[in-house]
Amino acid sequence: MPNIVRWDPFTEMDQMRRTVDRLFSEFRPYRLASDLRSEFGYVPVDISETDEGFVVTANLPGVEPANVDVQVHGDTVTIKGEAREESEESNGNWLRRERRYGVFARSFTLPATIDSDKAAASFEHGVLKLTLPKSETEKPKSIKVGGKKPVIEGKKP
């Protein structure tokens, strides 16, 4: 007697999902953040907020400060640059070549408008540090609440 296999529609759906996953892994018009970490164009940053503004720290190893451009427009910050390859010639074959060269760019939006006139940047040991003060209109202001003083009627002692 022949074996009878029950039809399961989920088996076919699972096979179709694997086919689509394989198709997208071969051709990706997009990149996930985890995938970008392996690309040179990805610039890792740390961003912290204070009452006065933001501090952005970006790792740019092997990049000269003259090859870095920082632009601030409203609440958007863009870090662009280029790491240039050293032109030393090697007489031997490369055993390993992992350092990446080329153009990179990273843009991100902050939760408040930046006062670009007071923004500052420093670059030391391959680390870019941006100090970005908040615009005066974005800073919280305290308003004293006043009222009438209570009036007590009667004689003075």
N, C-alpha and C. Protein backbone atom coordinates (compact mmCIF):
# COMPACT_ATOMS: atom_id res chain seq x y z
N MET A 1 0.84 -1.17 0.00
CA MET A 1 0.00 0.00 0.00
C MET A 1 0.89 1.24 0.00
N PRO A 2 0.63 2.20 -0.88
CA PRO A 2 1.49 3.39 -0.94
C PRO A 2 1.29 4.27 0.29
N ASN A 3 2.38 4.98 0.64
CA ASN A 3 2.31 5.91 1.76
C ASN A 3 1.52 7.14 1.34
N ILE A 4 0.61 7.53 2.16
CA ILE A 4 -0.17 8.71 1.89
C ILE A 4 0.36 9.83 2.78
N VAL A 5 0.75 10.94 2.15
CA VAL A 5 1.28 12.09 2.88
C VAL A 5 0.22 13.17 2.90
N ARG A 6 -0.06 13.62 4.06
CA ARG A 6 -1.07 14.65 4.21
C ARG A 6 -0.53 16.00 3.76
N TRP A 7 -1.31 16.74 3.00
CA TRP A 7 -0.88 18.04 2.50
C TRP A 7 -0.91 19.06 3.62
N ASP A 8 0.20 19.80 3.74
CA ASP A 8 0.30 20.84 4.78
C ASP A 8 0.62 22.15 4.08
N PRO A 9 -0.31 23.10 4.07
CA PRO A 9 -0.06 24.37 3.36
C PRO A 9 1.08 25.16 3.99
N PHE A 10 1.36 24.97 5.28
CA PHE A 10 2.42 25.72 5.94
C PHE A 10 3.81 25.29 5.46
N THR A 11 3.93 24.06 5.01
CA THR A 11 5.20 23.61 4.46
C THR A 11 5.52 24.39 3.19
N GLU A 12 4.54 24.59 2.34
CA GLU A 12 4.76 25.36 1.12
C GLU A 12 5.02 26.83 1.43
N MET A 13 4.34 27.36 2.42
CA MET A 13 4.58 28.76 2.80
C MET A 13 5.98 28.92 3.36
N ASP A 14 6.46 27.98 4.12
CA ASP A 14 7.81 28.05 4.67
C ASP A 14 8.85 27.97 3.56
N GLN A 15 8.59 27.11 2.58
CA GLN A 15 9.50 27.00 1.44
C GLN A 15 9.53 28.31 0.64
N MET A 16 8.38 28.94 0.48
CA MET A 16 8.32 30.22 -0.24
C MET A 16 9.06 31.31 0.54
N ARG A 17 8.93 31.34 1.88
CA ARG A 17 9.64 32.32 2.71
C ARG A 17 11.15 32.16 2.56
N ARG A 18 11.62 30.92 2.57
CA ARG A 18 13.07 30.69 2.41
C ARG A 18 13.55 31.13 1.04
N THR A 19 12.74 30.94 0.00
CA THR A 19 13.11 31.38 -1.34
C THR A 19 13.21 32.90 -1.41
N VAL A 20 12.25 33.59 -0.81
CA VAL A 20 12.26 35.06 -0.80
C VAL A 20 13.43 35.57 0.04
N ASP A 21 13.71 34.95 1.18
CA ASP A 21 14.86 35.34 2.00
C ASP A 21 16.16 35.21 1.22
N ARG A 22 16.31 34.12 0.49
CA ARG A 22 17.52 33.90 -0.31
C ARG A 22 17.62 34.96 -1.41
N LEU A 23 16.49 35.30 -2.02
CA LEU A 23 16.49 36.32 -3.07
C LEU A 23 16.96 37.66 -2.51
N PHE A 24 16.45 38.05 -1.33
CA PHE A 24 16.84 39.34 -0.75
C PHE A 24 18.26 39.32 -0.20
N SER A 25 18.77 38.17 0.19
CA SER A 25 20.14 38.14 0.68
C SER A 25 21.13 38.30 -0.47
N GLU A 26 20.73 37.91 -1.67
CA GLU A 26 21.60 38.06 -2.84
C GLU A 26 21.53 39.47 -3.41
N PHE A 27 20.37 40.10 -3.35
CA PHE A 27 20.21 41.45 -3.87
C PHE A 27 19.57 42.31 -2.80
N ARG A 28 20.35 43.21 -2.22
CA ARG A 28 19.83 44.08 -1.16
C ARG A 28 19.95 45.53 -1.56
N PRO A 29 18.84 46.17 -1.89
CA PRO A 29 18.90 47.60 -2.16
C PRO A 29 18.96 48.40 -0.87
N TYR A 30 18.88 47.75 0.27
CA TYR A 30 18.91 48.41 1.57
C TYR A 30 19.96 47.74 2.44
N ARG A 31 20.29 48.35 3.54
CA ARG A 31 21.23 47.77 4.50
C ARG A 31 20.64 47.92 5.89
N LEU A 32 20.70 46.88 6.67
CA LEU A 32 20.31 46.96 8.06
C LEU A 32 21.44 47.59 8.85
N ALA A 33 21.12 48.18 10.01
CA ALA A 33 22.15 48.82 10.84
C ALA A 33 23.23 47.82 11.22
N SER A 34 22.86 46.57 11.49
CA SER A 34 23.86 45.58 11.86
C SER A 34 24.77 45.25 10.68
N ASP A 35 24.24 45.30 9.44
CA ASP A 35 25.05 45.06 8.26
C ASP A 35 26.00 46.22 8.00
N LEU A 36 25.58 47.45 8.32
CA LEU A 36 26.39 48.62 8.04
C LEU A 36 27.66 48.65 8.88
N ARG A 37 27.66 47.99 10.00
CA ARG A 37 28.86 48.00 10.85
C ARG A 37 30.05 47.38 10.14
N SER A 38 29.80 46.50 9.19
CA SER A 38 30.89 45.88 8.46
C SER A 38 31.32 46.73 7.27
N GLU A 39 30.53 47.71 6.90
CA GLU A 39 30.87 48.59 5.79
C GLU A 39 31.72 49.75 6.29
N PHE A 40 32.56 50.32 5.41
CA PHE A 40 33.39 51.43 5.84
C PHE A 40 32.57 52.68 6.08
N GLY A 41 31.53 52.91 5.31
CA GLY A 41 30.74 54.12 5.41
C GLY A 41 30.01 54.30 6.72
N TYR A 42 29.97 53.27 7.53
CA TYR A 42 29.28 53.35 8.83
C TYR A 42 30.18 54.06 9.82
N VAL A 43 29.67 55.09 10.47
CA VAL A 43 30.42 55.84 11.48
C VAL A 43 29.73 55.62 12.82
N PRO A 44 30.35 54.87 13.73
CA PRO A 44 29.71 54.68 15.04
C PRO A 44 29.79 55.95 15.88
N VAL A 45 28.68 56.31 16.52
CA VAL A 45 28.64 57.53 17.33
C VAL A 45 28.01 57.23 18.69
N ASP A 46 28.41 58.02 19.68
CA ASP A 46 27.76 58.06 20.99
C ASP A 46 27.18 59.45 21.12
N ILE A 47 25.92 59.55 21.55
CA ILE A 47 25.27 60.85 21.70
C ILE A 47 24.70 60.93 23.11
N SER A 48 25.08 61.99 23.83
CA SER A 48 24.51 62.21 25.16
C SER A 48 23.89 63.60 25.20
N GLU A 49 22.88 63.75 26.06
CA GLU A 49 22.17 65.02 26.18
C GLU A 49 22.34 65.58 27.58
N THR A 50 22.58 66.89 27.65
CA THR A 50 22.62 67.60 28.91
C THR A 50 21.54 68.69 28.85
N ASP A 51 21.41 69.45 29.93
CA ASP A 51 20.46 70.55 29.92
C ASP A 51 20.86 71.61 28.89
N GLU A 52 22.16 71.76 28.67
CA GLU A 52 22.68 72.80 27.78
C GLU A 52 22.72 72.39 26.32
N GLY A 53 22.88 71.09 26.04
CA GLY A 53 23.01 70.67 24.65
C GLY A 53 23.30 69.20 24.51
N PHE A 54 24.06 68.86 23.46
CA PHE A 54 24.37 67.48 23.15
C PHE A 54 25.88 67.34 22.98
N VAL A 55 26.38 66.14 23.30
CA VAL A 55 27.78 65.80 23.05
C VAL A 55 27.78 64.57 22.16
N VAL A 56 28.42 64.69 20.99
CA VAL A 56 28.50 63.59 20.03
C VAL A 56 29.96 63.18 19.92
N THR A 57 30.21 61.89 20.08
CA THR A 57 31.56 61.36 19.94
C THR A 57 31.53 60.33 18.83
N ALA A 58 32.43 60.45 17.84
CA ALA A 58 32.47 59.54 16.69
C ALA A 58 33.88 58.99 16.52
N ASN A 59 33.98 57.70 16.30
CA ASN A 59 35.27 57.06 16.04
C ASN A 59 35.60 57.16 14.56
N LEU A 60 36.73 57.80 14.26
CA LEU A 60 37.18 57.95 12.87
C LEU A 60 38.66 57.57 12.78
N PRO A 61 39.01 56.32 13.02
CA PRO A 61 40.43 55.95 13.00
C PRO A 61 41.03 56.07 11.61
N GLY A 62 42.24 56.58 11.55
CA GLY A 62 42.94 56.71 10.28
C GLY A 62 42.50 57.86 9.42
N VAL A 63 41.64 58.73 9.92
CA VAL A 63 41.14 59.86 9.15
C VAL A 63 41.84 61.12 9.64
N GLU A 64 42.30 61.93 8.71
CA GLU A 64 42.92 63.20 9.06
C GLU A 64 41.83 64.23 9.37
N PRO A 65 42.05 65.09 10.37
CA PRO A 65 41.03 66.10 10.70
C PRO A 65 40.67 67.00 9.51
N ALA A 66 41.60 67.26 8.63
CA ALA A 66 41.32 68.11 7.46
C ALA A 66 40.36 67.43 6.49
N ASN A 67 40.21 66.12 6.58
CA ASN A 67 39.32 65.38 5.68
C ASN A 67 37.95 65.11 6.29
N VAL A 68 37.62 65.81 7.38
CA VAL A 68 36.33 65.64 8.04
C VAL A 68 35.52 66.92 7.89
N ASP A 69 34.25 66.78 7.55
CA ASP A 69 33.35 67.92 7.41
C ASP A 69 32.12 67.65 8.26
N VAL A 70 31.78 68.59 9.15
CA VAL A 70 30.60 68.47 10.00
C VAL A 70 29.64 69.60 9.63
N GLN A 71 28.39 69.25 9.38
CA GLN A 71 27.38 70.24 9.05
C GLN A 71 26.22 70.12 10.04
N VAL A 72 25.75 71.28 10.52
CA VAL A 72 24.60 71.32 11.42
C VAL A 72 23.54 72.18 10.76
N HIS A 73 22.35 71.60 10.61
CA HIS A 73 21.25 72.35 10.01
C HIS A 73 20.00 72.08 10.85
N GLY A 74 19.63 73.05 11.68
CA GLY A 74 18.48 72.89 12.57
C GLY A 74 18.75 71.83 13.61
N ASP A 75 18.07 70.69 13.50
CA ASP A 75 18.27 69.60 14.44
C ASP A 75 18.98 68.41 13.81
N THR A 76 19.50 68.59 12.59
CA THR A 76 20.17 67.51 11.86
C THR A 76 21.68 67.75 11.82
N VAL A 77 22.43 66.70 12.12
CA VAL A 77 23.90 66.76 12.10
C VAL A 77 24.39 65.76 11.07
N THR A 78 25.33 66.19 10.22
CA THR A 78 25.92 65.32 9.20
C THR A 78 27.43 65.34 9.36
N ILE A 79 28.01 64.15 9.44
CA ILE A 79 29.46 63.99 9.51
C ILE A 79 29.89 63.31 8.21
N LYS A 80 30.75 63.99 7.45
CA LYS A 80 31.26 63.44 6.18
C LYS A 80 32.77 63.44 6.24
N GLY A 81 33.37 62.58 5.45
CA GLY A 81 34.82 62.57 5.40
C GLY A 81 35.35 61.54 4.43
N GLU A 82 36.67 61.43 4.45
CA GLU A 82 37.33 60.46 3.58
C GLU A 82 38.60 59.95 4.26
N ALA A 83 38.76 58.66 4.24
CA ALA A 83 40.00 58.03 4.70
C ALA A 83 40.78 57.66 3.46
N ARG A 84 41.95 58.22 3.33
CA ARG A 84 42.75 57.99 2.13
C ARG A 84 43.76 56.88 2.37
N GLU A 85 43.94 56.07 1.35
CA GLU A 85 44.87 54.96 1.44
C GLU A 85 46.30 55.46 1.34
N GLU A 86 47.15 54.88 2.17
CA GLU A 86 48.57 55.23 2.11
C GLU A 86 49.14 54.66 0.82
N SER A 87 50.04 55.39 0.19
CA SER A 87 50.52 54.98 -1.13
C SER A 87 51.83 54.19 -1.07
N GLU A 88 52.10 53.58 0.08
CA GLU A 88 53.33 52.78 0.17
C GLU A 88 53.17 51.51 -0.65
N GLU A 89 54.21 51.20 -1.38
CA GLU A 89 54.20 49.98 -2.18
C GLU A 89 54.85 48.86 -1.38
N SER A 90 54.30 47.69 -1.52
CA SER A 90 54.84 46.53 -0.82
C SER A 90 55.45 45.59 -1.85
N ASN A 91 56.63 45.07 -1.55
CA ASN A 91 57.27 44.15 -2.48
C ASN A 91 56.65 42.76 -2.39
N GLY A 92 55.98 42.44 -1.26
CA GLY A 92 55.40 41.12 -1.09
C GLY A 92 53.90 41.11 -1.34
N ASN A 93 53.32 39.95 -1.18
CA ASN A 93 51.88 39.81 -1.33
C ASN A 93 51.20 40.12 0.00
N TRP A 94 50.00 40.66 -0.07
CA TRP A 94 49.25 40.95 1.14
C TRP A 94 48.78 39.64 1.75
N LEU A 95 48.99 39.47 3.03
CA LEU A 95 48.46 38.32 3.74
C LEU A 95 47.07 38.62 4.30
N ARG A 96 46.89 39.87 4.71
CA ARG A 96 45.60 40.29 5.24
C ARG A 96 45.48 41.79 5.00
N ARG A 97 44.32 42.20 4.54
CA ARG A 97 44.09 43.62 4.30
C ARG A 97 42.67 43.95 4.73
N GLU A 98 42.53 44.48 5.95
CA GLU A 98 41.22 44.71 6.53
C GLU A 98 40.86 46.18 6.69
N ARG A 99 41.84 47.06 6.68
CA ARG A 99 41.52 48.48 6.84
C ARG A 99 40.80 48.97 5.60
N ARG A 100 39.80 49.80 5.83
CA ARG A 100 38.98 50.28 4.72
C ARG A 100 39.29 51.74 4.42
N TYR A 101 39.17 52.07 3.16
CA TYR A 101 39.43 53.42 2.71
C TYR A 101 38.27 53.89 1.86
N GLY A 102 38.10 55.20 1.82
CA GLY A 102 37.06 55.76 0.97
C GLY A 102 36.26 56.82 1.69
N VAL A 103 35.13 57.17 1.08
CA VAL A 103 34.28 58.24 1.57
C VAL A 103 33.25 57.65 2.53
N PHE A 104 32.93 58.41 3.57
CA PHE A 104 31.90 58.00 4.52
C PHE A 104 31.02 59.19 4.84
N ALA A 105 29.81 58.92 5.32
CA ALA A 105 28.87 59.97 5.72
C ALA A 105 27.89 59.37 6.71
N ARG A 106 27.50 60.19 7.67
CA ARG A 106 26.51 59.76 8.68
C ARG A 106 25.68 60.98 9.05
N SER A 107 24.36 60.84 9.00
CA SER A 107 23.43 61.90 9.37
C SER A 107 22.50 61.38 10.44
N PHE A 108 22.15 62.23 11.39
CA PHE A 108 21.18 61.86 12.40
C PHE A 108 20.47 63.11 12.88
N THR A 109 19.27 62.91 13.41
CA THR A 109 18.44 64.01 13.89
C THR A 109 18.41 63.99 15.40
N LEU A 110 18.61 65.16 16.00
CA LEU A 110 18.58 65.30 17.45
C LEU A 110 17.21 65.81 17.88
N PRO A 111 16.84 65.61 19.14
CA PRO A 111 15.50 66.00 19.57
C PRO A 111 15.30 67.50 19.81
N ALA A 112 16.28 68.32 19.54
CA ALA A 112 16.14 69.77 19.72
C ALA A 112 16.98 70.48 18.67
N THR A 113 16.63 71.73 18.39
CA THR A 113 17.38 72.55 17.43
C THR A 113 18.72 72.95 18.04
N ILE A 114 19.75 72.96 17.20
CA ILE A 114 21.11 73.27 17.64
C ILE A 114 21.45 74.71 17.31
N ASP A 115 22.17 75.38 18.22
CA ASP A 115 22.69 76.71 17.96
C ASP A 115 24.03 76.52 17.25
N SER A 116 24.01 76.53 15.92
CA SER A 116 25.20 76.20 15.15
C SER A 116 26.32 77.23 15.31
N ASP A 117 26.00 78.46 15.71
CA ASP A 117 27.04 79.47 15.90
C ASP A 117 27.93 79.15 17.11
N LYS A 118 27.39 78.44 18.09
CA LYS A 118 28.14 78.12 19.30
C LYS A 118 28.65 76.68 19.31
N ALA A 119 28.41 75.92 18.24
CA ALA A 119 28.86 74.54 18.16
C ALA A 119 30.38 74.48 18.06
N ALA A 120 30.98 73.44 18.65
CA ALA A 120 32.42 73.29 18.64
C ALA A 120 32.78 71.84 18.33
N ALA A 121 33.96 71.65 17.73
CA ALA A 121 34.43 70.31 17.39
C ALA A 121 35.90 70.18 17.76
N SER A 122 36.28 69.00 18.25
CA SER A 122 37.69 68.69 18.50
C SER A 122 37.96 67.30 17.95
N PHE A 123 39.21 67.06 17.59
CA PHE A 123 39.60 65.79 16.99
C PHE A 123 40.93 65.38 17.59
N GLU A 124 40.92 64.25 18.29
CA GLU A 124 42.15 63.79 18.93
C GLU A 124 42.21 62.27 18.92
N HIS A 125 43.32 61.72 18.45
CA HIS A 125 43.57 60.28 18.42
C HIS A 125 42.46 59.52 17.68
N GLY A 126 41.99 60.08 16.58
CA GLY A 126 40.98 59.42 15.77
C GLY A 126 39.57 59.49 16.31
N VAL A 127 39.34 60.34 17.32
CA VAL A 127 38.00 60.49 17.90
C VAL A 127 37.54 61.92 17.71
N LEU A 128 36.39 62.08 17.05
CA LEU A 128 35.78 63.38 16.83
C LEU A 128 34.80 63.64 17.96
N LYS A 129 34.90 64.80 18.59
CA LYS A 129 33.97 65.16 19.67
C LYS A 129 33.30 66.47 19.30
N LEU A 130 31.96 66.43 19.23
CA LEU A 130 31.17 67.62 18.91
C LEU A 130 30.42 68.06 20.15
N THR A 131 30.50 69.36 20.44
CA THR A 131 29.71 69.95 21.51
C THR A 131 28.67 70.84 20.83
N LEU A 132 27.41 70.44 20.95
CA LEU A 132 26.34 71.10 20.22
C LEU A 132 25.33 71.69 21.20
N PRO A 133 25.42 72.99 21.48
CA PRO A 133 24.47 73.60 22.43
C PRO A 133 23.09 73.74 21.81
N LYS A 134 22.08 73.59 22.67
CA LYS A 134 20.70 73.76 22.22
C LYS A 134 20.44 75.23 21.93
N SER A 135 19.56 75.48 21.00
CA SER A 135 19.14 76.84 20.69
C SER A 135 18.44 77.43 21.91
N GLU A 136 18.56 78.74 22.09
CA GLU A 136 17.95 79.41 23.25
C GLU A 136 16.44 79.19 23.28
N THR A 137 15.82 79.09 22.12
CA THR A 137 14.37 78.88 22.08
C THR A 137 13.99 77.48 22.53
N GLU A 138 14.94 76.54 22.48
CA GLU A 138 14.66 75.15 22.86
C GLU A 138 14.90 74.89 24.34
N LYS A 139 15.66 75.75 25.00
CA LYS A 139 15.97 75.53 26.41
C LYS A 139 14.75 75.80 27.27
N PRO A 140 14.53 74.96 28.27
CA PRO A 140 13.40 75.23 29.16
C PRO A 140 13.65 76.47 30.00
N LYS A 141 12.61 77.24 30.23
CA LYS A 141 12.73 78.46 31.03
C LYS A 141 11.86 78.32 32.26
N SER A 142 12.34 78.84 33.37
CA SER A 142 11.57 78.82 34.61
C SER A 142 10.84 80.14 34.76
N ILE A 143 9.61 80.05 35.16
CA ILE A 143 8.80 81.25 35.39
C ILE A 143 8.36 81.20 36.83
N LYS A 144 8.64 82.28 37.56
CA LYS A 144 8.22 82.35 38.95
C LYS A 144 6.73 82.63 39.00
N VAL A 145 6.10 81.91 39.86
CA VAL A 145 4.66 82.09 40.04
C VAL A 145 4.46 83.04 41.19
N GLY A 146 3.79 84.11 40.94
CA GLY A 146 3.54 85.10 41.98
C GLY A 146 2.05 85.18 42.28
N GLY A 147 1.77 85.82 43.31
CA GLY A 147 0.37 85.98 43.69
C GLY A 147 0.26 87.13 44.67
N LYS A 148 -0.92 87.41 45.05
CA LYS A 148 -1.11 88.47 46.02
C LYS A 148 -0.72 87.96 47.40
N LYS A 149 -0.10 88.83 48.16
CA LYS A 149 0.23 88.47 49.53
C LYS A 149 -1.05 88.47 50.34
N PRO A 150 -1.17 87.53 51.22
CA PRO A 150 -2.37 87.51 52.04
C PRO A 150 -2.43 88.76 52.94
N VAL A 151 -3.57 89.29 53.03
CA VAL A 151 -3.76 90.49 53.84
C VAL A 151 -4.41 90.06 55.16
N ILE A 152 -3.77 90.47 56.25
CA ILE A 152 -4.31 90.16 57.58
C ILE A 152 -4.79 91.50 58.17
N GLU A 153 -6.02 91.52 58.45
CA GLU A 153 -6.58 92.75 59.02
C GLU A 153 -6.53 92.68 60.54
N GLY A 154 -6.36 93.77 61.11
CA GLY A 154 -6.34 93.84 62.57
C GLY A 154 -5.34 94.86 63.06
N LYS A 155 -5.14 94.88 64.34
CA LYS A 155 -4.22 95.84 64.94
C LYS A 155 -2.82 95.28 64.94
N LYS A 156 -1.87 96.22 64.84
CA LYS A 156 -0.48 95.85 64.98
C LYS A 156 -0.13 95.78 66.44
N PRO A 157 0.60 94.81 66.89
CA PRO A 157 0.95 94.75 68.31
C PRO A 157 1.97 95.75 68.71
